[in-house]
């Protein structure tokens, strides 16, 4: 592909994203204008919801599992392994975090560490182990990555509710009676609206650190360069003496680590694992895939997309609480998912790493 063609595609990608960003800003400005002119109308209520500190707080909290799964997906696919099992990693880590905390005892401490944090780390570990199994199957045994990813999801989707049924007698676990709680930064937490950033779940702070840290690792470190080369041109990486398989294993394991943080934070933020239907994860892993595709494999862009989806979900929850407008709850609940479909339609030109999904053997000249 010529440099001119690549530049043209990149310009088109930027145009699509600029159009969507401009459209979103235009919609917000229109709602703001109508809300200010007609404060007692539904537009006024919408403006109040969108500018509410509680909405920002909910959006940040809801962003956590999506963002961490998206970051994990970026590292895996940048390394050349397509990981659509992110949903399964979220499920297994969410369940393991709760069951471990329950077994240890929610009020207990081990070596000075509260049980809930032991559960948190156990959830992360379970996700890493699942991703390690996925990596071996895909990298060592060259299984189809899409099928293997679906298998991870389906195994987790069946295993977590089954284990909950064995231990609790139902697919939902008992409430732990404790959560990760909130970390409050004095003075800063009193700032109107933006104070929600400084009075949040610990996982929110982790997310706000993980996003720029992931960008830095991918773009400013030798490891990041190896990851990107593994997904773009593994032959060149192999030629300079770097083990491609080792880099790919690292990328997949890192995806499990990050997704594990998101899943553990999801269940421990509630203090319970819910295994009904698609479990409490409810498609967040798949939305994460959309998020990093829309963000064009950029951690900051992926976070922006994740926050958009989470913000819409937070807004629709509050919109359902507005009485007197006769808008069916089922219709309001579709808003975030309709947005996902719109985004999917607009990210068709996202540039996927050239060797993503392709197997590689050191010394093999046919890639």
Protein backbone atom coordinates (compact mmCIF):
# COMPACT_ATOMS: atom_id res chain seq x y z
CA UNK A 1 0.00 0.00 0.00
CA UNK A 2 1.47 3.36 -1.05
CA UNK A 3 2.20 6.17 1.36
CA UNK A 4 -0.36 8.34 -0.44
CA UNK A 5 -3.07 5.70 0.05
CA UNK A 6 -2.21 5.30 3.73
CA UNK A 7 -2.34 9.06 4.25
CA UNK A 8 -5.69 9.20 2.46
CA UNK A 9 -7.11 6.44 4.68
CA UNK A 10 -5.78 8.15 7.79
CA UNK A 11 -7.41 11.43 6.74
CA UNK A 12 -10.69 9.59 6.15
CA UNK A 13 -10.49 7.98 9.61
CA UNK A 14 -9.91 11.36 11.22
CA UNK A 15 -12.80 12.80 9.21
CA UNK A 16 -15.19 10.10 10.45
CA UNK A 17 -14.17 10.65 14.07
CA UNK A 18 -14.28 14.43 13.74
CA UNK A 19 -17.77 14.17 12.27
CA UNK A 20 -18.99 12.02 15.15
CA UNK A 21 -17.33 14.26 17.75
CA UNK A 22 -18.79 17.35 16.10
CA UNK A 23 -22.22 15.73 15.97
CA UNK A 24 -22.09 14.80 19.65
CA UNK A 25 -21.02 18.32 20.60
CA UNK A 26 -23.80 19.80 18.45
CA UNK A 27 -26.42 17.60 20.14
CA UNK A 28 -25.17 18.64 23.58
CA UNK A 29 -25.19 22.34 22.65
CA UNK A 30 -28.73 21.99 21.28
CA UNK A 31 -29.91 20.31 24.50
CA UNK A 32 -28.15 23.02 26.53
CA UNK A 33 -29.80 25.79 24.52
CA UNK A 34 -33.28 24.27 24.74
CA UNK A 35 -32.77 23.47 28.42
CA UNK A 36 -31.83 27.05 29.23
CA UNK A 37 -34.72 28.50 27.22
CA UNK A 38 -37.29 25.99 28.53
CA UNK A 39 -36.06 25.03 32.00
CA UNK A 40 -39.26 23.21 33.00
CA UNK A 41 -39.36 21.01 29.91
CA UNK A 42 -37.81 17.63 29.20
CA UNK A 43 -34.87 19.54 27.70
CA UNK A 44 -34.31 21.27 31.00
CA UNK A 45 -34.39 17.93 32.77
CA UNK A 46 -31.97 16.45 30.25
CA UNK A 47 -29.58 19.36 30.74
CA UNK A 48 -29.78 18.89 34.50
CA UNK A 49 -28.98 15.19 34.09
CA UNK A 50 -26.03 15.79 31.76
CA UNK A 51 -24.51 18.45 34.01
CA UNK A 52 -25.15 16.59 37.25
CA UNK A 53 -22.23 15.59 39.43
CA UNK A 54 -23.95 12.27 40.13
CA UNK A 55 -24.11 11.55 36.39
CA UNK A 56 -20.39 12.20 36.05
CA UNK A 57 -19.71 9.99 39.05
CA UNK A 58 -21.81 7.16 37.60
CA UNK A 59 -20.24 7.55 34.15
CA UNK A 60 -16.74 7.25 35.60
CA UNK A 61 -17.70 4.17 37.59
CA UNK A 62 -19.43 2.53 34.62
CA UNK A 63 -16.42 3.35 32.42
CA UNK A 64 -14.06 1.24 34.51
CA UNK A 65 -14.78 -2.30 33.19
CA UNK A 66 -15.16 -1.09 29.60
CA UNK A 67 -11.97 0.97 29.66
CA UNK A 68 -9.80 -1.69 31.27
CA UNK A 69 -11.09 -4.35 28.88
CA UNK A 70 -10.48 -1.98 25.95
CA UNK A 71 -6.90 -1.31 27.10
CA UNK A 72 -6.34 -5.05 27.36
CA UNK A 73 -7.74 -5.57 23.88
CA UNK A 74 -5.38 -2.95 22.49
CA UNK A 75 -2.27 -4.65 23.88
CA UNK A 76 -3.39 -8.07 22.64
CA UNK A 77 -4.32 -6.97 19.12
CA UNK A 78 -1.33 -4.64 18.80
CA UNK A 79 0.78 -7.71 19.55
CA UNK A 80 -1.00 -9.62 16.78
CA UNK A 81 -3.53 -11.72 18.72
CA UNK A 82 -7.24 -11.01 18.30
CA UNK A 83 -8.86 -11.37 21.72
CA UNK A 84 -12.64 -11.28 21.58
CA UNK A 85 -12.78 -13.19 24.84
CA UNK A 86 -12.64 -9.95 26.85
CA UNK A 87 -16.25 -10.50 27.94
CA UNK A 88 -15.27 -13.86 29.42
CA UNK A 89 -12.28 -12.37 31.22
CA UNK A 90 -14.54 -9.76 32.82
CA UNK A 91 -17.01 -12.45 33.91
CA UNK A 92 -14.48 -14.81 35.45
CA UNK A 93 -12.62 -12.05 37.28
CA UNK A 94 -15.85 -10.51 38.58
CA UNK A 95 -16.99 -13.85 40.01
CA UNK A 96 -13.61 -14.88 41.41
CA UNK A 97 -13.19 -11.54 43.18
CA UNK A 98 -16.49 -11.96 45.03
CA UNK A 99 -16.19 -15.66 45.86
CA UNK A 100 -12.63 -15.22 47.16
CA UNK A 101 -13.68 -12.34 49.38
CA UNK A 102 -16.59 -14.40 50.70
CA UNK A 103 -14.41 -17.44 51.43
CA UNK A 104 -11.75 -15.38 53.22
CA UNK A 105 -14.43 -13.47 55.11
CA UNK A 106 -15.47 -9.93 54.14
CA UNK A 107 -14.42 -8.51 57.48
CA UNK A 108 -11.16 -10.42 57.76
CA UNK A 109 -7.65 -9.20 57.02
CA UNK A 110 -4.68 -11.28 55.91
CA UNK A 111 -1.23 -9.84 56.60
CA UNK A 112 -2.90 -6.49 57.09
CA UNK A 113 -4.67 -6.62 53.73
CA UNK A 114 -8.50 -6.41 53.81
CA UNK A 115 -10.25 -9.45 52.37
CA UNK A 116 -11.90 -7.40 49.65
CA UNK A 117 -8.49 -6.50 48.21
CA UNK A 118 -7.40 -10.14 48.40
CA UNK A 119 -10.52 -10.89 46.38
CA UNK A 120 -9.63 -8.11 43.97
CA UNK A 121 -6.17 -9.53 43.29
CA UNK A 122 -7.59 -13.06 43.04
CA UNK A 123 -9.99 -11.83 40.37
CA UNK A 124 -7.12 -10.30 38.43
CA UNK A 125 -5.12 -13.53 38.76
CA UNK A 126 -8.02 -15.64 37.46
CA UNK A 127 -8.27 -13.43 34.39
CA UNK A 128 -4.52 -13.71 33.77
CA UNK A 129 -4.72 -17.51 34.02
CA UNK A 130 -7.61 -17.64 31.55
CA UNK A 131 -5.73 -15.36 29.16
CA UNK A 132 -2.63 -17.57 29.55
CA UNK A 133 -4.67 -20.59 28.49
CA UNK A 134 -6.04 -18.61 25.55
CA UNK A 135 -2.50 -17.52 24.61
CA UNK A 136 -1.13 -21.07 24.64
CA UNK A 137 -4.01 -22.35 22.50
CA UNK A 138 -3.63 -19.53 19.97
CA UNK A 139 0.14 -18.99 19.89
CA UNK A 140 1.56 -22.45 20.65
CA UNK A 141 -1.13 -24.57 19.03
CA UNK A 142 -2.25 -22.01 16.41
CA UNK A 143 -5.96 -22.34 17.06
CA UNK A 144 -8.38 -19.99 15.34
CA UNK A 145 -8.27 -16.89 17.52
CA UNK A 146 -11.92 -15.93 17.01
CA UNK A 147 -13.16 -19.40 17.97
CA UNK A 148 -10.78 -19.55 20.95
CA UNK A 149 -11.96 -16.14 22.12
CA UNK A 150 -15.60 -17.20 21.87
CA UNK A 151 -14.70 -20.34 23.83
CA UNK A 152 -13.22 -18.23 26.64
CA UNK A 153 -16.44 -16.20 26.78
CA UNK A 154 -18.75 -19.22 26.71
CA UNK A 155 -16.72 -21.13 29.31
CA UNK A 156 -16.78 -18.15 31.67
CA UNK A 157 -20.47 -17.52 30.95
CA UNK A 158 -21.30 -21.07 32.02
CA UNK A 159 -18.68 -21.62 34.70
CA UNK A 160 -19.29 -18.56 36.88
CA UNK A 161 -23.08 -19.02 37.33
CA UNK A 162 -22.57 -22.78 37.79
CA UNK A 163 -19.97 -22.26 40.52
CA UNK A 164 -22.23 -19.68 42.16
CA UNK A 165 -25.08 -22.21 42.12
CA UNK A 166 -22.88 -24.86 43.73
CA UNK A 167 -21.71 -22.52 46.50
CA UNK A 168 -24.78 -20.32 47.02
CA UNK A 169 -27.64 -22.34 45.58
CA UNK A 170 -28.33 -19.73 42.90
CA UNK A 171 -26.60 -17.92 40.06
CA UNK A 172 -26.31 -14.74 42.14
CA UNK A 173 -23.90 -14.61 45.06
CA UNK A 174 -24.87 -13.21 48.43
CA UNK A 175 -24.09 -9.58 49.03
CA UNK A 176 -20.74 -9.22 50.77
CA UNK A 177 -21.96 -6.32 52.86
CA UNK A 178 -18.88 -4.36 51.85
CA UNK A 179 -17.50 -2.76 48.70
CA UNK A 180 -14.30 -1.12 47.54
CA UNK A 181 -15.74 2.11 48.90
CA UNK A 182 -14.60 5.55 47.82
CA UNK A 183 -11.40 7.52 48.15
CA UNK A 184 -12.04 11.17 48.84
CA UNK A 185 -9.48 13.92 48.29
CA UNK A 186 -10.27 16.83 50.65
CA UNK A 187 -10.98 20.26 49.14
CA UNK A 188 -10.80 18.99 45.54
CA UNK A 189 -13.85 16.80 46.13
CA UNK A 190 -15.87 19.93 46.96
CA UNK A 191 -15.45 21.40 43.46
CA UNK A 192 -18.84 21.61 41.72
CA UNK A 193 -19.37 18.88 39.10
CA UNK A 194 -15.68 17.99 38.61
CA UNK A 195 -15.41 17.16 42.31
CA UNK A 196 -16.72 13.71 41.33
CA UNK A 197 -13.23 13.02 39.98
CA UNK A 198 -11.84 13.32 43.50
CA UNK A 199 -14.54 11.41 45.37
CA UNK A 200 -14.60 8.09 43.55
CA UNK A 201 -14.18 4.34 43.64
CA UNK A 202 -10.47 3.35 43.87
CA UNK A 203 -10.81 1.66 40.47
CA UNK A 204 -11.66 5.03 38.91
CA UNK A 205 -8.29 6.39 40.04
CA UNK A 206 -6.62 3.25 38.68
CA UNK A 207 -8.35 3.86 35.35
CA UNK A 208 -7.26 7.49 35.18
CA UNK A 209 -3.67 6.35 35.74
CA UNK A 210 -3.85 3.29 33.46
CA UNK A 211 -5.00 5.20 30.38
CA UNK A 212 -2.02 7.58 30.04
CA UNK A 213 0.33 4.86 31.33
CA UNK A 214 -0.84 2.50 28.56
CA UNK A 215 -0.35 5.22 25.95
CA UNK A 216 3.16 5.86 27.25
CA UNK A 217 4.11 2.17 27.29
CA UNK A 218 2.87 1.64 23.74
CA UNK A 219 4.42 4.76 22.26
CA UNK A 220 7.49 5.60 24.33
CA UNK A 221 9.06 2.33 25.45
CA UNK A 222 11.01 -0.49 23.80
CA UNK A 223 8.36 -2.97 24.91
CA UNK A 224 5.68 -0.88 23.22
CA UNK A 225 7.68 -0.79 20.00
CA UNK A 226 8.05 -4.56 20.14
CA UNK A 227 4.30 -4.98 20.69
CA UNK A 228 3.47 -2.75 17.73
CA UNK A 229 6.02 -4.48 15.50
CA UNK A 230 4.66 -7.89 16.50
CA UNK A 231 1.25 -6.91 15.19
CA UNK A 232 2.45 -5.02 12.13
CA UNK A 233 5.54 -6.83 10.87
CA UNK A 234 6.57 -9.82 13.01
CA UNK A 235 9.16 -10.88 10.42
CA UNK A 236 11.07 -7.63 10.92
CA UNK A 237 10.89 -8.06 14.71
CA UNK A 238 12.18 -11.61 14.40
CA UNK A 239 15.00 -10.47 12.13
CA UNK A 240 16.41 -8.15 14.81
CA UNK A 241 16.45 -10.99 17.32
CA UNK A 242 13.28 -10.38 19.33
CA UNK A 243 11.17 -13.46 20.11
CA UNK A 244 7.79 -12.73 18.50
CA UNK A 245 5.97 -15.44 20.47
CA UNK A 246 7.25 -14.03 23.76
CA UNK A 247 6.01 -10.55 22.84
CA UNK A 248 2.62 -11.96 21.87
CA UNK A 249 2.37 -13.93 25.12
CA UNK A 250 3.14 -10.71 27.00
CA UNK A 251 0.48 -8.80 25.09
CA UNK A 252 -2.21 -11.41 25.77
CA UNK A 253 -1.27 -11.78 29.45
CA UNK A 254 -1.36 -8.01 29.82
CA UNK A 255 -4.85 -8.02 28.31
CA UNK A 256 -5.88 -10.55 30.96
CA UNK A 257 -4.34 -8.44 33.72
CA UNK A 258 -6.13 -5.27 32.63
CA UNK A 259 -9.47 -6.97 31.98
CA UNK A 260 -9.15 -8.61 35.39
CA UNK A 261 -8.93 -5.22 37.06
CA UNK A 262 -12.09 -4.15 35.24
CA UNK A 263 -14.04 -7.29 36.16
CA UNK A 264 -12.95 -7.29 39.80
CA UNK A 265 -13.81 -3.62 40.16
CA UNK A 266 -17.24 -4.23 38.60
CA UNK A 267 -18.38 -6.85 41.09
CA UNK A 268 -16.60 -5.54 44.17
CA UNK A 269 -17.94 -2.05 43.48
CA UNK A 270 -21.40 -3.60 43.94
CA UNK A 271 -20.38 -6.15 46.55
CA UNK A 272 -22.04 -9.00 44.68
CA UNK A 273 -21.81 -11.11 41.52
CA UNK A 274 -25.01 -11.28 39.48
CA UNK A 275 -25.15 -14.31 37.19
CA UNK A 276 -28.57 -13.87 35.61
CA UNK A 277 -28.84 -13.90 31.81
CA UNK A 278 -25.54 -12.53 30.40
CA UNK A 279 -24.33 -11.90 33.97
CA UNK A 280 -23.70 -8.46 35.41
CA UNK A 281 -21.03 -7.91 32.73
CA UNK A 282 -23.85 -7.75 30.19
CA UNK A 283 -21.85 -7.14 27.02
CA UNK A 284 -19.29 -4.70 28.42
CA UNK A 285 -16.44 -6.75 26.98
CA UNK A 286 -17.92 -6.51 23.50
CA UNK A 287 -18.55 -2.79 23.92
CA UNK A 288 -14.87 -2.52 24.90
CA UNK A 289 -13.95 -3.97 21.50
CA UNK A 290 -16.04 -1.27 19.82
CA UNK A 291 -14.38 1.33 22.07
CA UNK A 292 -10.81 0.51 21.09
CA UNK A 293 -11.75 0.14 17.43
CA UNK A 294 -13.35 3.57 17.51
CA UNK A 295 -10.32 4.89 19.36
CA UNK A 296 -8.16 3.42 16.58
CA UNK A 297 -6.10 1.39 19.07
CA UNK A 298 -5.18 4.52 20.99
CA UNK A 299 -5.69 4.13 24.78
CA UNK A 300 -6.83 7.73 25.12
CA UNK A 301 -9.31 7.39 22.26
CA UNK A 302 -10.55 4.08 23.71
CA UNK A 303 -11.15 5.77 27.05
CA UNK A 304 -13.08 8.57 25.33
CA UNK A 305 -15.33 6.04 23.59
CA UNK A 306 -15.77 4.05 26.80
CA UNK A 307 -16.72 7.18 28.70
CA UNK A 308 -19.22 8.09 25.97
CA UNK A 309 -20.97 4.72 26.25
CA UNK A 310 -20.87 4.79 30.04
CA UNK A 311 -22.15 8.36 30.12
CA UNK A 312 -25.10 7.43 27.92
CA UNK A 313 -25.89 4.50 30.20
CA UNK A 314 -25.71 6.72 33.27
CA UNK A 315 -27.93 9.31 31.59
CA UNK A 316 -30.55 6.77 30.51
CA UNK A 317 -30.78 5.41 34.07
CA UNK A 318 -31.60 8.89 35.33
CA UNK A 319 -33.85 9.62 32.38
CA UNK A 320 -36.05 6.70 33.41
CA UNK A 321 -36.61 8.46 36.73
CA UNK A 322 -38.20 11.51 35.10
CA UNK A 323 -41.99 11.21 35.56
CA UNK A 324 -44.72 12.48 33.29
CA UNK A 325 -43.25 12.07 29.80
CA UNK A 326 -44.56 8.63 28.98
CA UNK A 327 -41.32 7.43 27.40
CA UNK A 328 -41.12 3.62 27.77
CA UNK A 329 -38.20 2.45 29.88
CA UNK A 330 -37.38 -0.22 27.31
CA UNK A 331 -36.98 2.48 24.66
CA UNK A 332 -34.73 4.63 26.83
CA UNK A 333 -32.55 1.62 27.67
CA UNK A 334 -31.74 1.14 23.98
CA UNK A 335 -30.02 4.54 23.67
CA UNK A 336 -26.48 3.36 24.59
CA UNK A 337 -26.76 0.35 22.28
CA UNK A 338 -28.07 2.37 19.36
CA UNK A 339 -25.05 4.60 19.86
CA UNK A 340 -22.79 1.53 19.72
CA UNK A 341 -24.33 0.58 16.36
CA UNK A 342 -23.79 4.10 15.04
CA UNK A 343 -20.17 4.03 16.16
CA UNK A 344 -19.67 0.60 14.58
CA UNK A 345 -20.95 2.00 11.30
CA UNK A 346 -18.47 4.87 11.52
CA UNK A 347 -15.37 2.87 12.44
CA UNK A 348 -15.36 0.71 9.35
CA UNK A 349 -12.09 2.30 8.22
CA UNK A 350 -10.21 1.74 11.46
CA UNK A 351 -6.71 0.54 10.58
CA UNK A 352 -6.29 -2.91 12.12
CA UNK A 353 -2.67 -4.03 12.71
CA UNK A 354 -1.50 -5.72 9.51
CA UNK A 355 -0.53 -9.05 11.09
CA UNK A 356 -3.29 -9.17 13.70
CA UNK A 357 -4.83 -12.63 13.78
CA UNK A 358 -2.01 -14.21 11.77
CA UNK A 359 0.10 -17.00 13.23
CA UNK A 360 3.87 -16.69 13.18
CA UNK A 361 6.69 -19.21 13.56
CA UNK A 362 10.26 -18.12 14.01
CA UNK A 363 12.22 -19.03 10.90
CA UNK A 364 9.11 -19.40 8.74
CA UNK A 365 9.44 -17.31 5.60
CA UNK A 366 5.72 -17.40 4.71
CA UNK A 367 3.82 -15.04 6.93
